[in-house]
Amino acid sequence: MSDTNLQRLVDEVVAEVRPAAGAAGLQVVVADHDEWPTRVRLDEPAVRRSLSQALDFVIGALPVGTITVRLDPENEDRGLWKLSVGSLDPAD
């Protein structure tokens, strides 16, 4: 585990998958990016790999729409955060 710039990590992973998403007619956005904590303690290779795999899965499964990467407080007292990947159907 190391102190990591989470915004940079997410930006790098999203930049890697954007061409595949665009080729599939999808858009990838990061929600409330500026409100995220900059430095967090995490296993960077594991988080990078998990985020990349989650985005690849959604890109392969979603026919149209927007893929959103979010960070939400899981347990603010303990400083825990939840990074999630989801889709928004344009019909919603």
C-alpha atoms as a PDB file:
ATOM      1  CA  MET A   1       0.000   0.000   0.000  1.00  0.00           C
ATOM      2  CA  SER A   2       1.210   3.468  -0.792  1.00  0.00           C
ATOM      3  CA  ASP A   3      -0.003   7.052  -0.916  1.00  0.00           C
ATOM      4  CA  THR A   4      -1.400   7.519  -4.410  1.00  0.00           C
ATOM      5  CA  ASN A   5      -2.838  10.404  -6.365  1.00  0.00           C
ATOM      6  CA  LEU A   6      -6.254   8.858  -7.008  1.00  0.00           C
ATOM      7  CA  GLN A   7      -7.346  11.512  -9.495  1.00  0.00           C
ATOM      8  CA  ARG A   8      -4.250  10.837 -11.627  1.00  0.00           C
ATOM      9  CA  LEU A   9      -4.691   7.064 -11.410  1.00  0.00           C
ATOM     10  CA  VAL A  10      -8.333   7.247 -12.539  1.00  0.00           C
ATOM     11  CA  ASP A  11      -7.489   9.747 -15.304  1.00  0.00           C
ATOM     12  CA  GLU A  12      -4.805   7.395 -16.645  1.00  0.00           C
ATOM     13  CA  VAL A  13      -7.052   4.332 -16.649  1.00  0.00           C
ATOM     14  CA  VAL A  14      -9.948   6.231 -18.233  1.00  0.00           C
ATOM     15  CA  ALA A  15      -7.606   7.604 -20.925  1.00  0.00           C
ATOM     16  CA  GLU A  16      -6.505   4.031 -21.715  1.00  0.00           C
ATOM     17  CA  VAL A  17     -10.079   2.766 -22.266  1.00  0.00           C
ATOM     18  CA  ARG A  18     -11.588   5.848 -23.964  1.00  0.00           C
ATOM     19  CA  PRO A  19     -10.560   4.749 -27.498  1.00  0.00           C
ATOM     20  CA  ALA A  20     -12.298   1.381 -27.090  1.00  0.00           C
ATOM     21  CA  ALA A  21     -15.345   3.049 -25.540  1.00  0.00           C
ATOM     22  CA  GLY A  22     -15.502   5.611 -28.348  1.00  0.00           C
ATOM     23  CA  ALA A  23     -15.200   2.893 -30.993  1.00  0.00           C
ATOM     24  CA  ALA A  24     -18.168   1.165 -29.330  1.00  0.00           C
ATOM     25  CA  GLY A  25     -20.175   4.417 -29.352  1.00  0.00           C
ATOM     26  CA  LEU A  26     -19.828   4.926 -25.605  1.00  0.00           C
ATOM     27  CA  GLN A  27     -18.684   7.859 -23.504  1.00  0.00           C
ATOM     28  CA  VAL A  28     -16.690   7.539 -20.264  1.00  0.00           C
ATOM     29  CA  VAL A  29     -17.068  10.288 -17.652  1.00  0.00           C
ATOM     30  CA  VAL A  30     -15.693  10.746 -14.144  1.00  0.00           C
ATOM     31  CA  ALA A  31     -18.280  12.132 -11.703  1.00  0.00           C
ATOM     32  CA  ASP A  32     -17.362  14.966  -9.323  1.00  0.00           C
ATOM     33  CA  HIS A  33     -13.651  14.412  -9.993  1.00  0.00           C
ATOM     34  CA  ASP A  34     -12.580  17.725  -8.448  1.00  0.00           C
ATOM     35  CA  GLU A  35     -14.209  16.801  -5.120  1.00  0.00           C
ATOM     36  CA  TRP A  36     -12.224  13.576  -4.715  1.00  0.00           C
ATOM     37  CA  PRO A  37      -9.402  13.369  -2.203  1.00  0.00           C
ATOM     38  CA  THR A  38      -6.115  13.794  -4.046  1.00  0.00           C
ATOM     39  CA  ARG A  39      -3.895  11.476  -2.023  1.00  0.00           C
ATOM     40  CA  VAL A  40      -5.166   8.185  -0.666  1.00  0.00           C
ATOM     41  CA  ARG A  41      -3.494   5.092   0.726  1.00  0.00           C
ATOM     42  CA  LEU A  42      -4.181   2.082  -1.492  1.00  0.00           C
ATOM     43  CA  ASP A  43      -2.727  -0.815  -3.437  1.00  0.00           C
ATOM     44  CA  GLU A  44      -2.219   1.089  -6.700  1.00  0.00           C
ATOM     45  CA  PRO A  45      -1.584  -1.892  -9.022  1.00  0.00           C
ATOM     46  CA  ALA A  46      -4.655  -3.720  -7.686  1.00  0.00           C
ATOM     47  CA  VAL A  47      -6.933  -0.676  -7.958  1.00  0.00           C
ATOM     48  CA  ARG A  48      -5.617   0.125 -11.449  1.00  0.00           C
ATOM     49  CA  ARG A  49      -6.208  -3.476 -12.576  1.00  0.00           C
ATOM     50  CA  SER A  50      -9.695  -3.669 -11.007  1.00  0.00           C
ATOM     51  CA  LEU A  51     -10.823  -0.355 -12.486  1.00  0.00           C
ATOM     52  CA  SER A  52      -9.498  -1.288 -15.919  1.00  0.00           C
ATOM     53  CA  GLN A  53     -11.258  -4.677 -15.792  1.00  0.00           C
ATOM     54  CA  ALA A  54     -14.540  -3.102 -14.646  1.00  0.00           C
ATOM     55  CA  LEU A  55     -14.427  -0.528 -17.446  1.00  0.00           C
ATOM     56  CA  ASP A  56     -13.536  -3.191 -20.043  1.00  0.00           C
ATOM     57  CA  PHE A  57     -16.487  -5.299 -18.874  1.00  0.00           C
ATOM     58  CA  VAL A  58     -18.980  -2.422 -19.104  1.00  0.00           C
ATOM     59  CA  ILE A  59     -17.625  -1.385 -22.520  1.00  0.00           C
ATOM     60  CA  GLY A  60     -18.185  -4.940 -23.759  1.00  0.00           C
ATOM     61  CA  ALA A  61     -21.642  -5.262 -22.211  1.00  0.00           C
ATOM     62  CA  LEU A  62     -23.224  -1.861 -22.850  1.00  0.00           C
ATOM     63  CA  PRO A  63     -24.693  -1.284 -26.330  1.00  0.00           C
ATOM     64  CA  VAL A  64     -25.060   2.514 -25.965  1.00  0.00           C
ATOM     65  CA  GLY A  65     -24.806   5.162 -23.280  1.00  0.00           C
ATOM     66  CA  THR A  66     -22.424   6.680 -20.811  1.00  0.00           C
ATOM     67  CA  ILE A  67     -20.099   4.903 -18.411  1.00  0.00           C
ATOM     68  CA  THR A  68     -19.580   6.774 -15.152  1.00  0.00           C
ATOM     69  CA  VAL A  69     -16.726   6.354 -12.680  1.00  0.00           C
ATOM     70  CA  ARG A  70     -17.707   7.545  -9.179  1.00  0.00           C
ATOM     71  CA  LEU A  71     -16.094   7.824  -5.792  1.00  0.00           C
ATOM     72  CA  ASP A  72     -18.392   7.841  -2.778  1.00  0.00           C
ATOM     73  CA  PRO A  73     -17.713   7.839   0.970  1.00  0.00           C
ATOM     74  CA  GLU A  74     -18.107   4.324   2.345  1.00  0.00           C
ATOM     75  CA  ASN A  75     -17.349   5.116   5.989  1.00  0.00           C
ATOM     76  CA  GLU A  76     -16.319   8.720   6.580  1.00  0.00           C
ATOM     77  CA  ASP A  77     -15.305   8.087  10.204  1.00  0.00           C
ATOM     78  CA  ARG A  78     -12.702   5.566   9.045  1.00  0.00           C
ATOM     79  CA  GLY A  79     -11.769   7.422   5.845  1.00  0.00           C
ATOM     80  CA  LEU A  80     -13.025   4.631   3.582  1.00  0.00           C
ATOM     81  CA  TRP A  81     -14.133   5.303  -0.006  1.00  0.00           C
ATOM     82  CA  LYS A  82     -15.921   3.228  -2.649  1.00  0.00           C
ATOM     83  CA  LEU A  83     -14.828   3.515  -6.292  1.00  0.00           C
ATOM     84  CA  SER A  84     -17.538   2.317  -8.666  1.00  0.00           C
ATOM     85  CA  VAL A  85     -18.214   1.997 -12.370  1.00  0.00           C
ATOM     86  CA  GLY A  86     -21.755   2.173 -13.714  1.00  0.00           C
ATOM     87  CA  SER A  87     -23.718   2.975 -16.807  1.00  0.00           C
ATOM     88  CA  LEU A  88     -26.392   5.487 -17.650  1.00  0.00           C
ATOM     89  CA  ASP A  89     -28.897   4.402 -20.252  1.00  0.00           C
ATOM     90  CA  PRO A  90     -29.669   7.336 -22.573  1.00  0.00           C
ATOM     91  CA  ALA A  91     -33.355   6.356 -22.426  1.00  0.00           C
ATOM     92  CA  ASP A  92     -33.475   7.066 -18.650  1.00  0.00           C
END
